[in-house]
């Protein structure tokens, strides 16, 4: 049985059609604030890229500008189970 596909998130209205144009300082500040807040809350780079209509590289740059440290790649580590004997 195949795994279900990932949901595709549509860009939010405040970020629609702003990726290809030169952003105003206010637009850039809003993007950095949104990306920083949502990434800290647990969203992935892929999800944030879809929500803002930007690439993952652009999201990484926004996180760097916002002073947010990035998580290591991959799924979170699970606690090791004690060995059973």
C-alpha atoms as a PDB file:
ATOM      1  CA  UNK A   1       0.000   0.000   0.000  1.00  0.00           C
ATOM      2  CA  UNK A   2       1.596   3.319  -1.037  1.00  0.00           C
ATOM      3  CA  UNK A   3       1.937   6.225   1.330  1.00  0.00           C
ATOM      4  CA  UNK A   4      -0.480   9.125   0.771  1.00  0.00           C
ATOM      5  CA  UNK A   5       0.996  12.152  -0.940  1.00  0.00           C
ATOM      6  CA  UNK A   6       1.922  15.254   1.022  1.00  0.00           C
ATOM      7  CA  UNK A   7      -0.632  18.028   1.023  1.00  0.00           C
ATOM      8  CA  UNK A   8       0.347  21.016  -1.092  1.00  0.00           C
ATOM      9  CA  UNK A   9      -0.127  24.325   0.709  1.00  0.00           C
ATOM     10  CA  UNK A  10      -1.301  27.355  -1.266  1.00  0.00           C
ATOM     11  CA  UNK A  11       0.520  30.675  -0.815  1.00  0.00           C
ATOM     12  CA  UNK A  12      -1.058  32.942   1.763  1.00  0.00           C
ATOM     13  CA  UNK A  13      -2.746  36.080   0.358  1.00  0.00           C
ATOM     14  CA  UNK A  14      -0.217  38.484   1.931  1.00  0.00           C
ATOM     15  CA  UNK A  15       2.642  36.697   0.110  1.00  0.00           C
ATOM     16  CA  UNK A  16       0.930  35.885  -3.197  1.00  0.00           C
ATOM     17  CA  UNK A  17       2.753  37.310  -6.250  1.00  0.00           C
ATOM     18  CA  UNK A  18       5.498  38.993  -4.179  1.00  0.00           C
ATOM     19  CA  UNK A  19       8.308  36.486  -4.770  1.00  0.00           C
ATOM     20  CA  UNK A  20       9.340  37.690  -8.227  1.00  0.00           C
ATOM     21  CA  UNK A  21       9.245  41.419  -7.587  1.00  0.00           C
ATOM     22  CA  UNK A  22      11.471  43.714  -5.584  1.00  0.00           C
ATOM     23  CA  UNK A  23      10.088  43.760  -2.062  1.00  0.00           C
ATOM     24  CA  UNK A  24       9.564  46.873  -0.028  1.00  0.00           C
ATOM     25  CA  UNK A  25      11.269  46.966   3.387  1.00  0.00           C
ATOM     26  CA  UNK A  26       7.854  46.461   5.018  1.00  0.00           C
ATOM     27  CA  UNK A  27       7.129  43.360   2.896  1.00  0.00           C
ATOM     28  CA  UNK A  28      10.570  41.918   3.686  1.00  0.00           C
ATOM     29  CA  UNK A  29      10.114  42.573   7.409  1.00  0.00           C
ATOM     30  CA  UNK A  30       6.695  40.870   7.337  1.00  0.00           C
ATOM     31  CA  UNK A  31       8.192  37.848   5.545  1.00  0.00           C
ATOM     32  CA  UNK A  32      11.088  37.542   8.010  1.00  0.00           C
ATOM     33  CA  UNK A  33       8.744  37.880  11.003  1.00  0.00           C
ATOM     34  CA  UNK A  34       6.289  35.274   9.637  1.00  0.00           C
ATOM     35  CA  UNK A  35       8.988  32.777   8.649  1.00  0.00           C
ATOM     36  CA  UNK A  36      10.823  33.164  11.967  1.00  0.00           C
ATOM     37  CA  UNK A  37       7.661  32.699  14.018  1.00  0.00           C
ATOM     38  CA  UNK A  38       6.345  29.706  12.042  1.00  0.00           C
ATOM     39  CA  UNK A  39       9.719  27.934  11.808  1.00  0.00           C
ATOM     40  CA  UNK A  40      10.214  28.298  15.553  1.00  0.00           C
ATOM     41  CA  UNK A  41       6.715  26.850  16.030  1.00  0.00           C
ATOM     42  CA  UNK A  42       7.731  23.745  14.045  1.00  0.00           C
ATOM     43  CA  UNK A  43       6.923  24.303  10.374  1.00  0.00           C
ATOM     44  CA  UNK A  44       9.406  22.928   7.838  1.00  0.00           C
ATOM     45  CA  UNK A  45      11.337  24.863   5.201  1.00  0.00           C
ATOM     46  CA  UNK A  46       9.243  23.115   2.532  1.00  0.00           C
ATOM     47  CA  UNK A  47       5.961  24.159   4.156  1.00  0.00           C
ATOM     48  CA  UNK A  48       7.121  27.746   4.600  1.00  0.00           C
ATOM     49  CA  UNK A  49       8.249  27.866   0.976  1.00  0.00           C
ATOM     50  CA  UNK A  50       4.815  26.762  -0.172  1.00  0.00           C
ATOM     51  CA  UNK A  51       2.995  29.186   2.126  1.00  0.00           C
ATOM     52  CA  UNK A  52       5.060  32.159   0.948  1.00  0.00           C
ATOM     53  CA  UNK A  53       5.585  31.180  -2.701  1.00  0.00           C
ATOM     54  CA  UNK A  54       9.363  31.122  -2.268  1.00  0.00           C
ATOM     55  CA  UNK A  55      12.147  28.578  -2.538  1.00  0.00           C
ATOM     56  CA  UNK A  56      13.654  26.821   0.444  1.00  0.00           C
ATOM     57  CA  UNK A  57      16.847  28.810  -0.170  1.00  0.00           C
ATOM     58  CA  UNK A  58      14.899  32.068   0.147  1.00  0.00           C
ATOM     59  CA  UNK A  59      13.375  30.795   3.388  1.00  0.00           C
ATOM     60  CA  UNK A  60      16.850  29.932   4.709  1.00  0.00           C
ATOM     61  CA  UNK A  61      18.059  33.457   3.915  1.00  0.00           C
ATOM     62  CA  UNK A  62      15.046  34.960   5.697  1.00  0.00           C
ATOM     63  CA  UNK A  63      15.749  32.797   8.756  1.00  0.00           C
ATOM     64  CA  UNK A  64      19.383  33.912   8.735  1.00  0.00           C
ATOM     65  CA  UNK A  65      18.306  37.560   8.512  1.00  0.00           C
ATOM     66  CA  UNK A  66      15.862  36.983  11.373  1.00  0.00           C
ATOM     67  CA  UNK A  67      18.592  35.467  13.530  1.00  0.00           C
ATOM     68  CA  UNK A  68      16.864  32.087  13.820  1.00  0.00           C
ATOM     69  CA  UNK A  69      19.112  29.043  14.141  1.00  0.00           C
ATOM     70  CA  UNK A  70      18.058  26.200  11.886  1.00  0.00           C
ATOM     71  CA  UNK A  71      17.245  22.686  13.006  1.00  0.00           C
ATOM     72  CA  UNK A  72      19.398  19.791  11.780  1.00  0.00           C
ATOM     73  CA  UNK A  73      18.045  17.999   8.694  1.00  0.00           C
ATOM     74  CA  UNK A  74      15.819  14.964   9.057  1.00  0.00           C
ATOM     75  CA  UNK A  75      13.180  13.885  11.489  1.00  0.00           C
ATOM     76  CA  UNK A  76      13.581  14.623  15.194  1.00  0.00           C
ATOM     77  CA  UNK A  77      15.478  11.989  17.122  1.00  0.00           C
ATOM     78  CA  UNK A  78      13.398   9.683  19.257  1.00  0.00           C
ATOM     79  CA  UNK A  79      14.381   8.693  22.750  1.00  0.00           C
ATOM     80  CA  UNK A  80      16.318   5.455  22.798  1.00  0.00           C
ATOM     81  CA  UNK A  81      14.351   2.626  24.333  1.00  0.00           C
ATOM     82  CA  UNK A  82      16.050   0.852  27.221  1.00  0.00           C
ATOM     83  CA  UNK A  83      17.503  -2.496  26.171  1.00  0.00           C
ATOM     84  CA  UNK A  84      15.188  -5.368  27.001  1.00  0.00           C
ATOM     85  CA  UNK A  85      16.710  -8.393  28.667  1.00  0.00           C
END
